């Protein structure tokens, strides 16, 4: 049986950084062909909080289960989601775009609460500070003690919550965009490289929400915009 995420890592981090408000952060949409990357952040006071029942690795939950969890998470944690567009991914690269989306999420979070003392960042790469400086000058700095944790969305409650809210927010956006660009089937594939999406790219070409720097189709089609 796969264990549920808990607050073990967050509690240990709070002892290291000397404060009990700890946040978790995760990204979704890194591997998509279209649409933004989204970064979620969720912060709790580990001195008084228990793990939220129902949290899981977002990939192990159905869309309905994730949506239900987004109704429960705000009562348990303070959350925010930041986005970086396909155009920003093209301009700065995926790692810098992740950092930009993360900084936007952090800025929104600390507008609502005092800055957390610690931050658990999913993965083994510290991409948060790779955001382009020209776009982050007006954003709140991340002064929390940061720790990297691989597979944190499956083991850390705050990161699991962050991944779920980011996934639901990005999916909802891709469904909205599907109404404007129905050829690509984004209501189903959410911008990822399904067979039907790739076929539509060849038949229709790219639109402004595609990551054109990724050379998704031959050059002559790459230049065609809806």
C-alpha atoms as a PDB file:
ATOM      1  CA  UNK A   1       0.000   0.000   0.000  1.00  0.00           C
ATOM      2  CA  UNK A   2       1.390   3.386  -0.999  1.00  0.00           C
ATOM      3  CA  UNK A   3       1.597   5.700   2.056  1.00  0.00           C
ATOM      4  CA  UNK A   4      -0.188   9.034   2.006  1.00  0.00           C
ATOM      5  CA  UNK A   5       1.804  12.282   2.019  1.00  0.00           C
ATOM      6  CA  UNK A   6       2.544  13.664   5.477  1.00  0.00           C
ATOM      7  CA  UNK A   7       4.343  16.577   7.122  1.00  0.00           C
ATOM      8  CA  UNK A   8       7.547  14.794   8.115  1.00  0.00           C
ATOM      9  CA  UNK A   9       9.805  16.719   5.736  1.00  0.00           C
ATOM     10  CA  UNK A  10       8.055  19.993   6.494  1.00  0.00           C
ATOM     11  CA  UNK A  11       8.402  19.494  10.251  1.00  0.00           C
ATOM     12  CA  UNK A  12      12.096  18.692   9.948  1.00  0.00           C
ATOM     13  CA  UNK A  13      12.565  21.789   7.804  1.00  0.00           C
ATOM     14  CA  UNK A  14      10.797  23.942  10.394  1.00  0.00           C
ATOM     15  CA  UNK A  15      13.296  22.798  13.005  1.00  0.00           C
ATOM     16  CA  UNK A  16      16.164  23.726  10.696  1.00  0.00           C
ATOM     17  CA  UNK A  17      14.915  27.164   9.722  1.00  0.00           C
ATOM     18  CA  UNK A  18      13.484  28.111  13.099  1.00  0.00           C
ATOM     19  CA  UNK A  19       9.932  28.858  11.981  1.00  0.00           C
ATOM     20  CA  UNK A  20       6.769  26.799  11.708  1.00  0.00           C
ATOM     21  CA  UNK A  21       5.206  28.253   8.549  1.00  0.00           C
ATOM     22  CA  UNK A  22       6.348  25.931   5.759  1.00  0.00           C
ATOM     23  CA  UNK A  23       5.374  25.899   2.102  1.00  0.00           C
ATOM     24  CA  UNK A  24       5.561  23.294  -0.633  1.00  0.00           C
ATOM     25  CA  UNK A  25       5.870  24.044  -4.339  1.00  0.00           C
ATOM     26  CA  UNK A  26       5.456  21.979  -7.514  1.00  0.00           C
ATOM     27  CA  UNK A  27       5.028  22.530 -11.240  1.00  0.00           C
ATOM     28  CA  UNK A  28       2.776  21.084 -13.927  1.00  0.00           C
ATOM     29  CA  UNK A  29       2.853  21.409 -17.684  1.00  0.00           C
ATOM     30  CA  UNK A  30       6.620  21.167 -18.166  1.00  0.00           C
ATOM     31  CA  UNK A  31       6.287  18.565 -20.919  1.00  0.00           C
ATOM     32  CA  UNK A  32       3.250  19.941 -22.725  1.00  0.00           C
ATOM     33  CA  UNK A  33       3.412  21.148 -26.326  1.00  0.00           C
ATOM     34  CA  UNK A  34       1.011  24.026 -25.742  1.00  0.00           C
ATOM     35  CA  UNK A  35      -0.199  26.248 -22.964  1.00  0.00           C
ATOM     36  CA  UNK A  36       1.615  27.669 -19.956  1.00  0.00           C
ATOM     37  CA  UNK A  37       3.578  26.013 -17.221  1.00  0.00           C
ATOM     38  CA  UNK A  38       1.876  26.362 -13.855  1.00  0.00           C
ATOM     39  CA  UNK A  39       3.479  26.365 -10.417  1.00  0.00           C
ATOM     40  CA  UNK A  40       1.458  25.861  -7.275  1.00  0.00           C
ATOM     41  CA  UNK A  41       2.471  26.697  -3.726  1.00  0.00           C
ATOM     42  CA  UNK A  42       0.735  25.739  -0.479  1.00  0.00           C
ATOM     43  CA  UNK A  43       1.743  26.901   3.003  1.00  0.00           C
ATOM     44  CA  UNK A  44       0.748  25.576   6.437  1.00  0.00           C
ATOM     45  CA  UNK A  45       1.792  26.128  10.035  1.00  0.00           C
ATOM     46  CA  UNK A  46       3.245  22.735  10.870  1.00  0.00           C
ATOM     47  CA  UNK A  47       3.055  23.507  14.605  1.00  0.00           C
ATOM     48  CA  UNK A  48      -0.721  23.230  14.499  1.00  0.00           C
ATOM     49  CA  UNK A  49      -1.514  21.362  11.277  1.00  0.00           C
ATOM     50  CA  UNK A  50      -2.126  17.697  10.561  1.00  0.00           C
ATOM     51  CA  UNK A  51      -1.784  16.165   7.082  1.00  0.00           C
ATOM     52  CA  UNK A  52      -4.892  16.717   4.980  1.00  0.00           C
ATOM     53  CA  UNK A  53      -6.751  13.466   4.373  1.00  0.00           C
ATOM     54  CA  UNK A  54      -7.100  12.619   0.696  1.00  0.00           C
ATOM     55  CA  UNK A  55      -3.886  14.181  -0.567  1.00  0.00           C
ATOM     56  CA  UNK A  56      -1.997  12.057  -3.076  1.00  0.00           C
ATOM     57  CA  UNK A  57       0.418  12.422  -5.925  1.00  0.00           C
ATOM     58  CA  UNK A  58      -1.811  14.388  -8.311  1.00  0.00           C
ATOM     59  CA  UNK A  59      -1.139  11.864 -11.086  1.00  0.00           C
ATOM     60  CA  UNK A  60      -2.751   9.135  -8.969  1.00  0.00           C
ATOM     61  CA  UNK A  61      -6.015  11.061  -8.647  1.00  0.00           C
ATOM     62  CA  UNK A  62      -8.797  11.315 -11.182  1.00  0.00           C
ATOM     63  CA  UNK A  63      -9.810  14.735 -12.462  1.00  0.00           C
ATOM     64  CA  UNK A  64     -12.908  14.621 -10.253  1.00  0.00           C
ATOM     65  CA  UNK A  65     -10.854  13.683  -7.187  1.00  0.00           C
ATOM     66  CA  UNK A  66      -8.456  16.560  -7.830  1.00  0.00           C
ATOM     67  CA  UNK A  67     -11.312  19.003  -8.186  1.00  0.00           C
ATOM     68  CA  UNK A  68     -12.825  17.783  -4.920  1.00  0.00           C
ATOM     69  CA  UNK A  69      -9.486  18.234  -3.183  1.00  0.00           C
ATOM     70  CA  UNK A  70      -9.297  21.835  -4.374  1.00  0.00           C
ATOM     71  CA  UNK A  71     -12.444  22.448  -2.335  1.00  0.00           C
ATOM     72  CA  UNK A  72     -10.795  21.084   0.821  1.00  0.00           C
ATOM     73  CA  UNK A  73      -7.270  22.456   0.425  1.00  0.00           C
ATOM     74  CA  UNK A  74      -8.041  26.193   0.974  1.00  0.00           C
ATOM     75  CA  UNK A  75      -9.377  25.468   4.465  1.00  0.00           C
ATOM     76  CA  UNK A  76      -6.136  23.650   5.309  1.00  0.00           C
ATOM     77  CA  UNK A  77      -3.465  25.745   3.564  1.00  0.00           C
ATOM     78  CA  UNK A  78      -2.903  29.137   1.988  1.00  0.00           C
ATOM     79  CA  UNK A  79      -2.316  28.595  -1.704  1.00  0.00           C
ATOM     80  CA  UNK A  80      -1.427  30.360  -4.935  1.00  0.00           C
ATOM     81  CA  UNK A  81      -0.751  29.453  -8.561  1.00  0.00           C
ATOM     82  CA  UNK A  82       1.604  31.235 -10.948  1.00  0.00           C
ATOM     83  CA  UNK A  83       1.789  30.838 -14.719  1.00  0.00           C
ATOM     84  CA  UNK A  84       4.381  31.428 -17.425  1.00  0.00           C
ATOM     85  CA  UNK A  85       3.065  31.562 -20.967  1.00  0.00           C
ATOM     86  CA  UNK A  86       4.166  29.689 -24.050  1.00  0.00           C
ATOM     87  CA  UNK A  87       5.675  32.941 -25.335  1.00  0.00           C
ATOM     88  CA  UNK A  88       7.731  33.268 -22.152  1.00  0.00           C
ATOM     89  CA  UNK A  89       8.852  29.648 -22.462  1.00  0.00           C
ATOM     90  CA  UNK A  90       9.982  30.392 -26.022  1.00  0.00           C
ATOM     91  CA  UNK A  91      11.759  33.578 -24.983  1.00  0.00           C
ATOM     92  CA  UNK A  92      13.552  32.378 -21.861  1.00  0.00           C
ATOM     93  CA  UNK A  93      13.544  28.576 -21.911  1.00  0.00           C
ATOM     94  CA  UNK A  94      11.564  26.133 -19.848  1.00  0.00           C
ATOM     95  CA  UNK A  95      13.709  26.312 -16.698  1.00  0.00           C
ATOM     96  CA  UNK A  96      13.567  30.094 -16.509  1.00  0.00           C
ATOM     97  CA  UNK A  97       9.827  29.982 -17.217  1.00  0.00           C
ATOM     98  CA  UNK A  98       9.334  27.581 -14.321  1.00  0.00           C
ATOM     99  CA  UNK A  99      11.239  29.981 -12.097  1.00  0.00           C
ATOM    100  CA  UNK A 100       9.098  32.866 -13.312  1.00  0.00           C
ATOM    101  CA  UNK A 101       5.847  30.997 -12.645  1.00  0.00           C
ATOM    102  CA  UNK A 102       7.140  29.991  -9.218  1.00  0.00           C
ATOM    103  CA  UNK A 103       8.097  33.543  -8.332  1.00  0.00           C
ATOM    104  CA  UNK A 104       4.647  34.726  -9.408  1.00  0.00           C
ATOM    105  CA  UNK A 105       3.032  32.102  -7.214  1.00  0.00           C
ATOM    106  CA  UNK A 106       5.247  33.069  -4.280  1.00  0.00           C
ATOM    107  CA  UNK A 107       4.462  36.766  -4.772  1.00  0.00           C
ATOM    108  CA  UNK A 108       0.735  36.031  -4.634  1.00  0.00           C
ATOM    109  CA  UNK A 109       1.182  33.834  -1.564  1.00  0.00           C
ATOM    110  CA  UNK A 110       3.105  36.389   0.481  1.00  0.00           C
ATOM    111  CA  UNK A 111       0.579  39.061  -0.435  1.00  0.00           C
ATOM    112  CA  UNK A 112      -1.891  37.015   1.599  1.00  0.00           C
ATOM    113  CA  UNK A 113       0.293  35.807   4.508  1.00  0.00           C
ATOM    114  CA  UNK A 114       3.658  36.511   6.096  1.00  0.00           C
ATOM    115  CA  UNK A 115       6.434  34.830   4.099  1.00  0.00           C
ATOM    116  CA  UNK A 116       6.905  31.170   5.053  1.00  0.00           C
ATOM    117  CA  UNK A 117      10.123  30.288   6.835  1.00  0.00           C
ATOM    118  CA  UNK A 118      10.851  27.239   4.705  1.00  0.00           C
ATOM    119  CA  UNK A 119       9.990  25.888   1.265  1.00  0.00           C
ATOM    120  CA  UNK A 120       9.998  22.309  -0.002  1.00  0.00           C
ATOM    121  CA  UNK A 121      10.635  22.324  -3.748  1.00  0.00           C
ATOM    122  CA  UNK A 122       9.781  19.178  -5.674  1.00  0.00           C
ATOM    123  CA  UNK A 123      12.616  17.635  -7.678  1.00  0.00           C
ATOM    124  CA  UNK A 124      16.397  17.781  -7.604  1.00  0.00           C
ATOM    125  CA  UNK A 125      16.946  21.083  -9.421  1.00  0.00           C
ATOM    126  CA  UNK A 126      16.599  24.523  -7.860  1.00  0.00           C
ATOM    127  CA  UNK A 127      14.800  26.244 -10.743  1.00  0.00           C
ATOM    128  CA  UNK A 128      13.008  28.830  -8.636  1.00  0.00           C
ATOM    129  CA  UNK A 129      15.776  31.421  -8.822  1.00  0.00           C
ATOM    130  CA  UNK A 130      16.346  30.931 -12.560  1.00  0.00           C
ATOM    131  CA  UNK A 131      13.580  33.373 -13.481  1.00  0.00           C
ATOM    132  CA  UNK A 132      14.642  36.268 -15.745  1.00  0.00           C
ATOM    133  CA  UNK A 133      15.584  39.170 -13.484  1.00  0.00           C
ATOM    134  CA  UNK A 134      13.911  41.742 -15.726  1.00  0.00           C
ATOM    135  CA  UNK A 135      10.527  40.148 -15.025  1.00  0.00           C
ATOM    136  CA  UNK A 136      10.976  39.536 -11.306  1.00  0.00           C
ATOM    137  CA  UNK A 137      12.107  42.946 -10.089  1.00  0.00           C
ATOM    138  CA  UNK A 138       8.589  43.790  -8.926  1.00  0.00           C
ATOM    139  CA  UNK A 139       7.993  40.367  -7.352  1.00  0.00           C
ATOM    140  CA  UNK A 140       8.547  39.464  -3.725  1.00  0.00           C
ATOM    141  CA  UNK A 141      11.914  37.776  -3.132  1.00  0.00           C
ATOM    142  CA  UNK A 142      12.021  34.189  -1.927  1.00  0.00           C
ATOM    143  CA  UNK A 143      13.892  34.413   1.357  1.00  0.00           C
ATOM    144  CA  UNK A 144      12.727  31.098   2.782  1.00  0.00           C
ATOM    145  CA  UNK A 145      15.107  28.228   3.496  1.00  0.00           C
ATOM    146  CA  UNK A 146      14.677  25.975   0.428  1.00  0.00           C
ATOM    147  CA  UNK A 147      15.133  22.211   0.389  1.00  0.00           C
ATOM    148  CA  UNK A 148      14.854  19.968  -2.651  1.00  0.00           C
ATOM    149  CA  UNK A 149      12.891  16.743  -2.319  1.00  0.00           C
ATOM    150  CA  UNK A 150      12.470  14.234  -5.141  1.00  0.00           C
ATOM    151  CA  UNK A 151       8.963  12.819  -5.555  1.00  0.00           C
ATOM    152  CA  UNK A 152       7.787  15.283  -2.935  1.00  0.00           C
ATOM    153  CA  UNK A 153       4.300  15.385  -4.470  1.00  0.00           C
ATOM    154  CA  UNK A 154       3.881  11.800  -3.225  1.00  0.00           C
ATOM    155  CA  UNK A 155       5.473  12.235   0.214  1.00  0.00           C
ATOM    156  CA  UNK A 156       5.011  15.848   1.386  1.00  0.00           C
ATOM    157  CA  UNK A 157       1.520  17.125   2.109  1.00  0.00           C
ATOM    158  CA  UNK A 158       2.244  20.734   1.164  1.00  0.00           C
ATOM    159  CA  UNK A 159       3.807  19.762  -2.160  1.00  0.00           C
ATOM    160  CA  UNK A 160       0.965  17.369  -2.944  1.00  0.00           C
ATOM    161  CA  UNK A 161      -1.536  20.166  -2.324  1.00  0.00           C
ATOM    162  CA  UNK A 162       0.507  22.562  -4.465  1.00  0.00           C
ATOM    163  CA  UNK A 163       0.618  20.095  -7.358  1.00  0.00           C
ATOM    164  CA  UNK A 164      -3.116  19.469  -7.207  1.00  0.00           C
ATOM    165  CA  UNK A 165      -4.129  23.126  -7.263  1.00  0.00           C
ATOM    166  CA  UNK A 166      -1.692  23.842 -10.089  1.00  0.00           C
ATOM    167  CA  UNK A 167      -2.932  20.886 -12.121  1.00  0.00           C
ATOM    168  CA  UNK A 168      -6.597  21.828 -11.712  1.00  0.00           C
ATOM    169  CA  UNK A 169      -5.931  25.484 -12.566  1.00  0.00           C
ATOM    170  CA  UNK A 170      -3.919  24.650 -15.676  1.00  0.00           C
ATOM    171  CA  UNK A 171      -6.406  22.016 -16.865  1.00  0.00           C
ATOM    172  CA  UNK A 172      -9.263  24.499 -16.524  1.00  0.00           C
ATOM    173  CA  UNK A 173      -7.344  27.042 -18.586  1.00  0.00           C
ATOM    174  CA  UNK A 174      -6.634  24.507 -21.337  1.00  0.00           C
ATOM    175  CA  UNK A 175     -10.327  23.588 -21.474  1.00  0.00           C
ATOM    176  CA  UNK A 176     -11.167  27.280 -21.942  1.00  0.00           C
ATOM    177  CA  UNK A 177      -8.582  27.600 -24.711  1.00  0.00           C
ATOM    178  CA  UNK A 178     -10.005  24.496 -26.388  1.00  0.00           C
ATOM    179  CA  UNK A 179     -13.175  26.447 -27.128  1.00  0.00           C
ATOM    180  CA  UNK A 180     -11.118  28.973 -29.096  1.00  0.00           C
ATOM    181  CA  UNK A 181      -8.848  26.403 -30.763  1.00  0.00           C
ATOM    182  CA  UNK A 182     -10.942  23.234 -31.097  1.00  0.00           C
ATOM    183  CA  UNK A 183      -8.698  21.535 -33.668  1.00  0.00           C
ATOM    184  CA  UNK A 184      -6.122  20.492 -31.076  1.00  0.00           C
ATOM    185  CA  UNK A 185      -8.374  18.708 -28.583  1.00  0.00           C
ATOM    186  CA  UNK A 186      -6.989  20.538 -25.569  1.00  0.00           C
ATOM    187  CA  UNK A 187     -10.108  19.770 -23.552  1.00  0.00           C
ATOM    188  CA  UNK A 188      -8.899  16.173 -23.553  1.00  0.00           C
ATOM    189  CA  UNK A 189      -5.093  16.254 -23.905  1.00  0.00           C
ATOM    190  CA  UNK A 190      -4.538  19.532 -21.979  1.00  0.00           C
ATOM    191  CA  UNK A 191      -1.851  20.546 -24.441  1.00  0.00           C
ATOM    192  CA  UNK A 192       0.261  17.408 -24.138  1.00  0.00           C
ATOM    193  CA  UNK A 193       1.508  15.462 -27.134  1.00  0.00           C
ATOM    194  CA  UNK A 194      -1.309  13.026 -27.785  1.00  0.00           C
ATOM    195  CA  UNK A 195      -1.528  11.408 -31.208  1.00  0.00           C
ATOM    196  CA  UNK A 196      -4.524  13.550 -32.145  1.00  0.00           C
ATOM    197  CA  UNK A 197      -2.792  16.740 -31.023  1.00  0.00           C
ATOM    198  CA  UNK A 198       0.313  15.936 -33.087  1.00  0.00           C
ATOM    199  CA  UNK A 199      -1.842  15.092 -36.090  1.00  0.00           C
ATOM    200  CA  UNK A 200      -3.654  18.423 -35.750  1.00  0.00           C
ATOM    201  CA  UNK A 201      -0.301  20.223 -35.659  1.00  0.00           C
ATOM    202  CA  UNK A 202       0.646  18.732 -39.016  1.00  0.00           C
ATOM    203  CA  UNK A 203      -2.766  19.425 -40.532  1.00  0.00           C
ATOM    204  CA  UNK A 204      -3.422  22.869 -39.067  1.00  0.00           C
ATOM    205  CA  UNK A 205      -0.049  24.238 -37.983  1.00  0.00           C
ATOM    206  CA  UNK A 206       0.682  25.976 -34.705  1.00  0.00           C
ATOM    207  CA  UNK A 207      -1.187  28.735 -32.895  1.00  0.00           C
ATOM    208  CA  UNK A 208       0.023  31.375 -30.464  1.00  0.00           C
ATOM    209  CA  UNK A 209      -0.378  29.049 -27.485  1.00  0.00           C
ATOM    210  CA  UNK A 210       2.079  26.489 -28.827  1.00  0.00           C
ATOM    211  CA  UNK A 211       5.686  26.448 -27.689  1.00  0.00           C
ATOM    212  CA  UNK A 212       7.095  27.250 -31.081  1.00  0.00           C
ATOM    213  CA  UNK A 213      10.739  27.051 -30.001  1.00  0.00           C
ATOM    214  CA  UNK A 214      10.252  23.327 -29.495  1.00  0.00           C
ATOM    215  CA  UNK A 215      10.144  22.670 -33.260  1.00  0.00           C
ATOM    216  CA  UNK A 216       6.855  20.837 -33.050  1.00  0.00           C
ATOM    217  CA  UNK A 217       6.289  20.611 -36.799  1.00  0.00           C
ATOM    218  CA  UNK A 218       8.286  21.273 -40.010  1.00  0.00           C
ATOM    219  CA  UNK A 219       9.450  24.846 -40.524  1.00  0.00           C
ATOM    220  CA  UNK A 220       6.828  25.719 -43.126  1.00  0.00           C
ATOM    221  CA  UNK A 221       4.025  24.766 -40.730  1.00  0.00           C
ATOM    222  CA  UNK A 222       5.804  26.369 -37.770  1.00  0.00           C
ATOM    223  CA  UNK A 223       5.224  29.749 -39.383  1.00  0.00           C
ATOM    224  CA  UNK A 224       1.496  29.294 -39.836  1.00  0.00           C
ATOM    225  CA  UNK A 225      -0.685  30.886 -37.191  1.00  0.00           C
ATOM    226  CA  UNK A 226      -4.438  30.676 -36.837  1.00  0.00           C
END
